[in-house]
Each structure stands twice: as C-alpha cells, then as structure tokens.
Amino acid sequence: MKDVNVGICGLGTVGGGTFNVLTRNAEIIAGRAGCNIRIARVASRHSRDDLDLGNVPFSTDIYDVVNDPSIDIVVELIGGYDAAKELVLAAIANGKHVVTANKALIAVHGNEIFDAAEKAGVVVAYEAGVAGGIPVIKSVREGLAANRIDTIAGIINGTGNYILTEMRAGREFGEVLKEAQALGYAEADPTFDVEGIDAAHKLTILAASGFGVPLQFEKGFTEGISGITPYDISHAELLGYRVKHLGIARRREDGIELRVHPTLVPQSHLIAQVDGVLNAVLVDGDAVGQTMYYGPGAGDEATASAVIADIVDVARAVASNSQQ
C-alpha cells in the first residue's frame, strides 16, 4: 500500500490523543484507508515526557511541518485564531491538505481559508471542530445529503452542560465552574465556554454545512449561562422543564436564524436527558425526519477519533490520485 505522510502541529490534549490513536491502531486504520498513514513529523512549542514519539522527528517550530516536502497532510491542532490561520494558509500555499479541530479558526476565518484551498486544489477538513467524537458534520453533509434541512439544534458545549447538570442539585454556578476547571472540563479562562462563544463557533459551522450558507459567526445571537442561578434551575424543574444551553439554527423565509442561549426544554424531551459533558445534536430533514447524534463532545481520544476520520478521508483521496 502507498504511504501517505502526515505532520502533526500541536501536542496538547487532542494532538497527543491523535498521535496515540494513529500509532496504536495503525493497522486497522490502514485497512480502512487503503493506504499506510505515516506520521512523518511532529511539531509543538513544548515536548511531552508522557508521549513516546519513537523515531518520529520532533521540532519546536511548527513551520518545519508545513515546509517539509514529504508531508501530504498537515494536522493543525495548535488552537487559537491568528497563528493557526497563518499556519493553515502557509500549508495550503505549499500544496498540502489540512485537517483541523479548530472550530474558532473555521468559524471566523473559514471563508478565506476555503477560498485559498479551492484555488490551490487542496482539501481542508474540520469534522473534529464540532461535538468532539460525534461525526455530526459528516452526517449532515453526506448522510443527509438528500434532505432539505430545516433545523439543527442541540447541546454543543460539554462544559456548560456539565455546569447546568450539577446546578440541579442546588449548587451555585461559581462553585461548579471551579470544579469543572479542576476536572479539566473548563479552561483557566472559561469565557468561551460559559458565555456561549464556543457553542456559537460550532453552530456557525453546523449551519454552513447543513444549510449551504457562508460562515457568518458575527451574525448570530449569543447568550451564556453565567447568569443562571439555582433558583432558575429548580423553578424550571417544578414547571416540568430543564434548563439546557442550546445552539439553534433554523431555516426561515427571510434567511437562516442562528442563536445560542439557555433554553427551557420539556423534561420528557431526549435533549433534556443529556447530562454531564455529553453533547447531542438534533437535525430535522424533510425526507428522514428528526435524527439525533449523541456522544462525548470533548476529550483527547474522542476528539482524536474525529480528527483521524478526516485524515483517513483525505489520505484515501491522496492515495487514489497518486495511482491515476
């Protein structure tokens, strides 16, 4: 089988998980991809003593990956906006395909990145940017390709869902947030999670995939959960509802509605039963009706699963083109 060379930029939680799964399941993945997916180089600002890189070359300069002529696919896992954007555009300019789990990058700079990729004849894949290990982007784009999608809605931030779940026991927002940070569910600066920005990034990508519209992050309505109190939670329960932080994209006569905010969900609804750090996305299609995608929305190997699914798709195309 042909070798397809991959370079990984970033060895944080997801980068380390991606390296481990690609290495551990190399034979299984090769069988499904129809080619050997070889990690040719890894770059990160910091090395990791807990990660055995074996004979894979390591560098602290991420551009060593982008500028390596042997690499076919650059896996961007450094996060953030500007540095990631420059890295991805440089990879595209060098004729390399890109796989990323960076929802902020795609939501804010995706239109520019996709234009550059189209001109260069390369692919930018981003399945892992939304809902971690749940293959919801692929399901919307491919599995529901025959459908006119009317609504996409769900829990797409595990941190917020964990906080609201724990607050049902009468706990204060601040107390649960500190616990979430200690458990690694929330960042030291939790603004993106608790103010709905992370969910809005993901909803922007889902809407673009489902409705075929440009990425328009700045046009959505976003409200977080930092103002929610135990009283709000308990009062909703008495009325037969649960408070869930939802992202909702809906087709209307005058365009696509995008909003992220706390929502009263009937306790009997499937979404109301999704607790902890789990994610769930509901999609309404005119042919299939309502479908639901449920599972872990974060975590090293859960997100790595989606990253590698994209790598396999791109590697399969690279191997096929090389044989023509």
Protein backbone atom coordinates (compact mmCIF):
# COMPACT_ATOMS: atom_id res chain seq x y z
CA MET A 1 0.00 0.00 0.00
CA LYS A 2 1.04 3.58 -0.62
CA ASP A 3 2.35 5.68 2.28
CA VAL A 4 0.57 8.98 2.97
CA ASN A 5 2.67 11.24 5.18
CA VAL A 6 1.07 13.25 7.97
CA GLY A 7 2.58 16.05 10.04
CA ILE A 8 1.01 16.96 13.37
CA CYS A 9 1.23 20.54 14.66
CA GLY A 10 0.44 20.72 18.37
CA LEU A 11 0.84 18.07 21.06
CA GLY A 12 -1.78 19.20 23.54
CA THR A 13 -4.73 17.09 24.62
CA VAL A 14 -6.07 16.45 21.12
CA GLY A 15 -2.65 16.34 19.44
CA GLY A 16 -1.39 13.74 21.89
CA GLY A 17 -4.58 11.73 21.53
CA THR A 18 -4.30 11.83 17.74
CA PHE A 19 -0.69 10.63 17.84
CA ASN A 20 -1.54 7.80 20.24
CA VAL A 21 -4.57 6.52 18.32
CA LEU A 22 -2.84 6.76 14.92
CA THR A 23 0.07 4.78 16.34
CA ARG A 24 -1.92 2.23 18.33
CA ASN A 25 -4.47 1.48 15.61
CA ALA A 26 -2.18 1.93 12.60
CA GLU A 27 -3.00 -1.44 11.05
CA ILE A 28 -6.78 -1.05 11.45
CA ILE A 29 -6.69 2.49 10.08
CA ALA A 30 -4.55 1.46 7.10
CA GLY A 31 -7.05 -1.26 6.23
CA ARG A 32 -9.90 1.23 6.21
CA ALA A 33 -7.98 3.95 4.39
CA GLY A 34 -6.44 1.68 1.77
CA CYS A 35 -3.05 3.22 2.45
CA ASN A 36 -0.47 3.46 5.22
CA ILE A 37 -0.94 6.69 7.17
CA ARG A 38 2.54 7.51 8.40
CA ILE A 39 3.31 10.19 10.98
CA ALA A 40 6.32 11.79 9.30
CA ARG A 41 6.92 14.73 11.64
CA VAL A 42 5.54 16.30 14.83
CA ALA A 43 5.96 19.89 15.99
CA SER A 44 4.91 21.63 19.18
CA ARG A 45 6.13 24.52 21.29
CA HIS A 46 6.71 22.07 24.13
CA SER A 47 7.66 18.41 24.18
CA ARG A 48 5.73 15.89 26.27
CA ASP A 49 7.58 13.47 28.52
CA ASP A 50 4.48 11.27 28.76
CA LEU A 51 4.32 10.75 24.99
CA ASP A 52 6.60 8.21 23.31
CA LEU A 53 7.31 9.59 19.84
CA GLY A 54 9.59 6.71 18.92
CA ASN A 55 11.58 7.60 15.79
CA VAL A 56 9.22 10.35 14.64
CA PRO A 57 11.16 13.62 14.14
CA PHE A 58 10.16 16.32 16.64
CA SER A 59 10.56 20.08 16.32
CA THR A 60 9.53 23.13 18.33
CA ASP A 61 8.96 25.03 15.06
CA ILE A 62 5.55 24.21 13.55
CA TYR A 63 6.70 25.51 10.18
CA ASP A 64 9.11 22.58 9.95
CA VAL A 65 5.97 20.52 9.30
CA VAL A 66 4.47 22.93 6.78
CA ASN A 67 7.74 23.24 4.86
CA ASP A 68 8.58 19.51 4.81
CA PRO A 69 8.17 18.48 1.14
CA SER A 70 7.43 14.86 2.08
CA ILE A 71 4.29 15.69 4.05
CA ASP A 72 0.93 15.31 2.32
CA ILE A 73 -1.43 16.31 5.16
CA VAL A 74 -0.86 18.94 7.85
CA VAL A 75 -2.89 18.37 11.02
CA GLU A 76 -3.42 21.73 12.76
CA LEU A 77 -4.05 21.25 16.48
CA ILE A 78 -2.42 24.37 17.95
CA GLY A 79 -5.72 26.22 18.50
CA GLY A 80 -6.37 29.95 18.54
CA TYR A 81 -7.05 32.36 15.70
CA ASP A 82 -4.15 34.20 14.11
CA ALA A 83 -1.23 31.77 14.47
CA ALA A 84 -3.42 28.89 13.33
CA LYS A 85 -4.73 30.89 10.37
CA GLU A 86 -1.21 31.75 9.20
CA LEU A 87 -0.12 28.14 9.62
CA VAL A 88 -3.06 26.76 7.63
CA LEU A 89 -2.69 29.33 4.84
CA ALA A 90 1.03 28.53 4.61
CA ALA A 91 0.26 24.81 4.37
CA ILE A 92 -2.29 25.48 1.62
CA ALA A 93 0.20 27.67 -0.26
CA ASN A 94 2.64 24.74 -0.13
CA GLY A 95 0.04 22.47 -1.72
CA LYS A 96 -0.74 20.48 1.41
CA HIS A 97 -4.12 19.23 2.57
CA VAL A 98 -5.18 20.33 6.06
CA VAL A 99 -7.11 18.65 8.87
CA THR A 100 -8.08 20.79 11.87
CA ALA A 101 -10.10 20.54 15.07
CA ASN A 102 -10.09 24.33 15.46
CA LYS A 103 -13.73 25.49 15.44
CA ALA A 104 -12.80 29.11 16.23
CA LEU A 105 -10.48 29.22 13.22
CA ILE A 106 -13.11 27.80 10.85
CA ALA A 107 -16.00 29.88 12.22
CA VAL A 108 -14.10 33.18 11.96
CA HIS A 109 -11.64 32.65 9.07
CA GLY A 110 -13.17 29.68 7.27
CA ASN A 111 -14.41 31.56 4.19
CA GLU A 112 -10.91 32.90 3.47
CA ILE A 113 -9.31 29.51 4.15
CA PHE A 114 -11.73 27.59 1.93
CA ASP A 115 -11.24 30.08 -0.92
CA ALA A 116 -7.47 29.62 -0.69
CA ALA A 117 -7.83 25.83 -0.57
CA GLU A 118 -10.08 25.78 -3.63
CA LYS A 119 -7.59 27.84 -5.63
CA ALA A 120 -4.73 25.57 -4.55
CA GLY A 121 -6.66 22.37 -5.26
CA VAL A 122 -6.36 21.03 -1.72
CA VAL A 123 -8.82 19.97 0.98
CA VAL A 124 -9.44 21.48 4.42
CA ALA A 125 -11.31 19.03 6.69
CA TYR A 126 -12.75 20.04 10.06
CA GLU A 127 -15.04 17.29 11.42
CA ALA A 128 -13.45 17.39 14.89
CA GLY A 129 -14.22 21.10 15.27
CA VAL A 130 -17.82 20.33 16.29
CA ALA A 131 -19.00 17.94 19.01
CA GLY A 132 -15.70 16.12 19.51
CA GLY A 133 -16.11 12.44 18.77
CA ILE A 134 -19.61 12.70 17.28
CA PRO A 135 -19.41 12.61 13.44
CA VAL A 136 -22.16 15.18 13.06
CA ILE A 137 -20.61 17.27 10.26
CA LYS A 138 -20.11 14.20 8.09
CA SER A 139 -23.64 13.03 8.90
CA VAL A 140 -25.17 16.37 7.93
CA ARG A 141 -23.04 16.84 4.81
CA GLU A 142 -23.11 13.28 3.49
CA GLY A 143 -25.60 11.08 5.35
CA LEU A 144 -28.38 13.64 4.98
CA ALA A 145 -27.34 14.88 1.53
CA ALA A 146 -30.79 14.06 0.09
CA ASN A 147 -32.59 16.19 2.69
CA ARG A 148 -33.66 19.80 2.87
CA ILE A 149 -32.60 20.54 6.43
CA ASP A 150 -34.89 22.84 8.37
CA THR A 151 -33.45 22.82 11.90
CA ILE A 152 -30.20 21.92 13.64
CA ALA A 153 -30.29 22.23 17.42
CA GLY A 154 -28.53 20.78 20.40
CA ILE A 155 -26.06 20.79 23.24
CA ILE A 156 -22.70 21.52 21.67
CA ASN A 157 -20.61 22.62 24.65
CA GLY A 158 -19.88 19.97 27.26
CA THR A 159 -18.57 22.40 29.88
CA GLY A 160 -21.81 24.37 30.01
CA ASN A 161 -23.86 21.20 30.07
CA TYR A 162 -21.82 19.84 32.98
CA ILE A 163 -22.34 23.05 34.96
CA LEU A 164 -26.10 23.12 34.38
CA THR A 165 -26.37 19.42 35.25
CA GLU A 166 -24.58 19.89 38.58
CA MET A 167 -26.61 23.00 39.41
CA ARG A 168 -29.75 20.84 39.50
CA ALA A 169 -28.53 19.70 42.94
CA GLY A 170 -28.77 23.29 44.19
CA ARG A 171 -25.11 24.16 43.69
CA GLU A 172 -24.02 27.68 42.74
CA PHE A 173 -22.63 28.46 39.29
CA GLY A 174 -19.23 29.62 40.60
CA GLU A 175 -18.74 26.52 42.73
CA VAL A 176 -19.45 24.15 39.85
CA LEU A 177 -17.29 26.17 37.46
CA LYS A 178 -14.29 25.80 39.80
CA GLU A 179 -14.94 22.06 39.95
CA ALA A 180 -15.14 21.89 36.15
CA GLN A 181 -11.79 23.66 35.91
CA ALA A 182 -10.23 21.26 38.43
CA LEU A 183 -11.53 18.31 36.40
CA GLY A 184 -10.15 19.74 33.16
CA TYR A 185 -13.59 20.36 31.63
CA ALA A 186 -13.17 24.15 31.67
CA GLU A 187 -10.18 26.33 30.79
CA ALA A 188 -8.49 28.68 33.27
CA ASP A 189 -10.29 31.42 31.33
CA PRO A 190 -13.75 29.88 30.85
CA THR A 191 -15.26 32.79 28.91
CA PHE A 192 -15.69 30.96 25.61
CA ASP A 193 -17.49 28.07 27.32
CA VAL A 194 -19.75 29.85 29.79
CA GLU A 195 -20.62 32.86 27.61
CA GLY A 196 -21.64 30.74 24.63
CA ILE A 197 -18.83 31.74 22.27
CA ASP A 198 -17.55 28.19 21.82
CA ALA A 199 -21.08 26.95 21.08
CA ALA A 200 -21.61 29.83 18.65
CA HIS A 201 -18.43 28.88 16.76
CA LYS A 202 -19.71 25.31 16.43
CA LEU A 203 -23.22 26.37 15.46
CA THR A 204 -21.80 28.60 12.72
CA ILE A 205 -20.01 25.59 11.22
CA LEU A 206 -23.06 23.33 11.56
CA ALA A 207 -25.27 25.90 9.85
CA ALA A 208 -22.83 26.33 6.96
CA SER A 209 -22.68 22.55 6.50
CA GLY A 210 -26.42 21.99 6.84
CA PHE A 211 -27.84 24.98 5.00
CA GLY A 212 -25.09 25.68 2.48
CA VAL A 213 -24.65 29.28 3.63
CA PRO A 214 -21.36 31.15 4.18
CA LEU A 215 -19.81 31.11 7.64
CA GLN A 216 -21.34 34.09 9.45
CA PHE A 217 -20.31 33.87 13.11
CA GLU A 218 -20.80 37.58 13.72
CA LYS A 219 -24.49 37.49 12.74
CA GLY A 220 -25.68 35.02 15.38
CA PHE A 221 -27.24 35.81 18.77
CA THR A 222 -25.17 34.56 21.70
CA GLU A 223 -26.05 34.40 25.40
CA GLY A 224 -24.15 32.43 28.03
CA ILE A 225 -25.06 30.69 31.28
CA SER A 226 -23.15 32.78 33.81
CA GLY A 227 -26.38 34.49 34.89
CA ILE A 228 -28.23 31.24 35.63
CA THR A 229 -28.98 30.62 39.34
CA PRO A 230 -30.00 27.51 41.30
CA TYR A 231 -33.42 29.17 41.68
CA ASP A 232 -33.81 29.29 37.89
CA ILE A 233 -32.93 25.61 37.67
CA SER A 234 -35.26 24.48 40.47
CA HIS A 235 -38.16 26.64 39.30
CA ALA A 236 -37.84 25.22 35.78
CA GLU A 237 -37.88 21.69 37.26
CA LEU A 238 -41.11 22.45 39.15
CA LEU A 239 -42.70 23.56 35.87
CA GLY A 240 -41.61 20.37 34.11
CA TYR A 241 -38.58 21.78 32.28
CA ARG A 242 -34.81 21.55 32.34
CA VAL A 243 -32.50 24.45 31.54
CA LYS A 244 -30.17 23.48 28.71
CA HIS A 245 -27.69 25.68 26.86
CA LEU A 246 -28.63 25.12 23.23
CA GLY A 247 -27.34 26.16 19.85
CA ILE A 248 -30.22 26.51 17.40
CA ALA A 249 -30.02 27.05 13.63
CA ARG A 250 -33.34 27.28 11.82
CA ARG A 251 -34.39 27.92 8.24
CA ARG A 252 -36.83 30.83 7.89
CA GLU A 253 -38.42 32.56 4.92
CA ASP A 254 -36.07 35.52 5.32
CA GLY A 255 -32.86 33.54 5.91
CA ILE A 256 -31.16 31.36 8.50
CA GLU A 257 -31.67 32.05 12.20
CA LEU A 258 -28.63 31.40 14.44
CA ARG A 259 -28.85 31.62 18.23
CA VAL A 260 -27.15 30.24 21.33
CA HIS A 261 -28.83 30.71 24.72
CA PRO A 262 -30.22 28.96 27.82
CA THR A 263 -33.45 27.21 26.87
CA LEU A 264 -36.36 25.62 28.75
CA VAL A 265 -36.61 22.05 27.45
CA PRO A 266 -39.51 19.75 28.48
CA GLN A 267 -38.19 17.04 30.81
CA SER A 268 -39.67 14.38 28.53
CA HIS A 269 -37.56 15.50 25.56
CA LEU A 270 -34.46 13.49 24.63
CA ILE A 271 -32.25 16.58 24.84
CA ALA A 272 -33.33 17.11 28.47
CA GLN A 273 -31.84 13.70 29.35
CA VAL A 274 -28.35 14.58 28.06
CA ASP A 275 -26.25 15.33 31.14
CA GLY A 276 -22.66 15.97 32.16
CA VAL A 277 -20.10 16.71 29.46
CA LEU A 278 -22.01 14.83 26.76
CA ASN A 279 -23.20 16.54 23.57
CA ALA A 280 -26.29 15.88 21.47
CA VAL A 281 -27.41 17.36 18.16
CA LEU A 282 -30.89 17.06 16.62
CA VAL A 283 -31.32 17.52 12.87
CA ASP A 284 -34.67 17.84 11.07
CA GLY A 285 -34.64 16.78 7.42
CA ASP A 286 -37.65 16.77 5.12
CA ALA A 287 -37.07 13.18 3.95
CA VAL A 288 -35.69 11.42 7.02
CA GLY A 289 -37.48 13.40 9.73
CA GLN A 290 -35.64 14.01 13.00
CA THR A 291 -32.32 12.34 13.76
CA MET A 292 -30.16 12.68 16.87
CA TYR A 293 -26.39 12.42 17.27
CA TYR A 294 -25.16 11.80 20.82
CA GLY A 295 -21.83 11.17 22.49
CA PRO A 296 -18.70 12.66 24.05
CA GLY A 297 -18.14 16.22 22.92
CA ALA A 298 -14.57 16.51 24.16
CA GLY A 299 -11.61 14.51 25.40
CA ASP A 300 -8.28 13.52 23.91
CA GLU A 301 -9.12 10.30 22.09
CA ALA A 302 -12.80 11.10 21.49
CA THR A 303 -11.83 14.20 19.52
CA ALA A 304 -8.87 12.36 18.01
CA SER A 305 -11.36 9.87 16.59
CA ALA A 306 -12.92 12.65 14.51
CA VAL A 307 -9.53 14.09 13.53
CA ILE A 308 -8.41 10.69 12.27
CA ALA A 309 -11.67 10.15 10.38
CA ASP A 310 -10.82 13.30 8.42
CA ILE A 311 -7.22 12.16 7.94
CA VAL A 312 -8.49 8.84 6.54
CA ASP A 313 -10.84 10.60 4.10
CA VAL A 314 -8.10 12.90 2.83
CA ALA A 315 -5.45 10.14 2.76
CA ARG A 316 -7.75 7.92 0.71
CA ALA A 317 -8.08 10.71 -1.88
CA VAL A 318 -4.32 11.36 -1.89
CA ALA A 319 -3.57 7.67 -2.44
CA SER A 320 -6.19 7.42 -5.18
CA ASN A 321 -4.87 10.47 -7.05
CA SER A 322 -1.30 9.18 -6.90
CA GLN A 323 -2.36 5.97 -8.64
CA GLN A 324 -4.01 7.73 -11.59
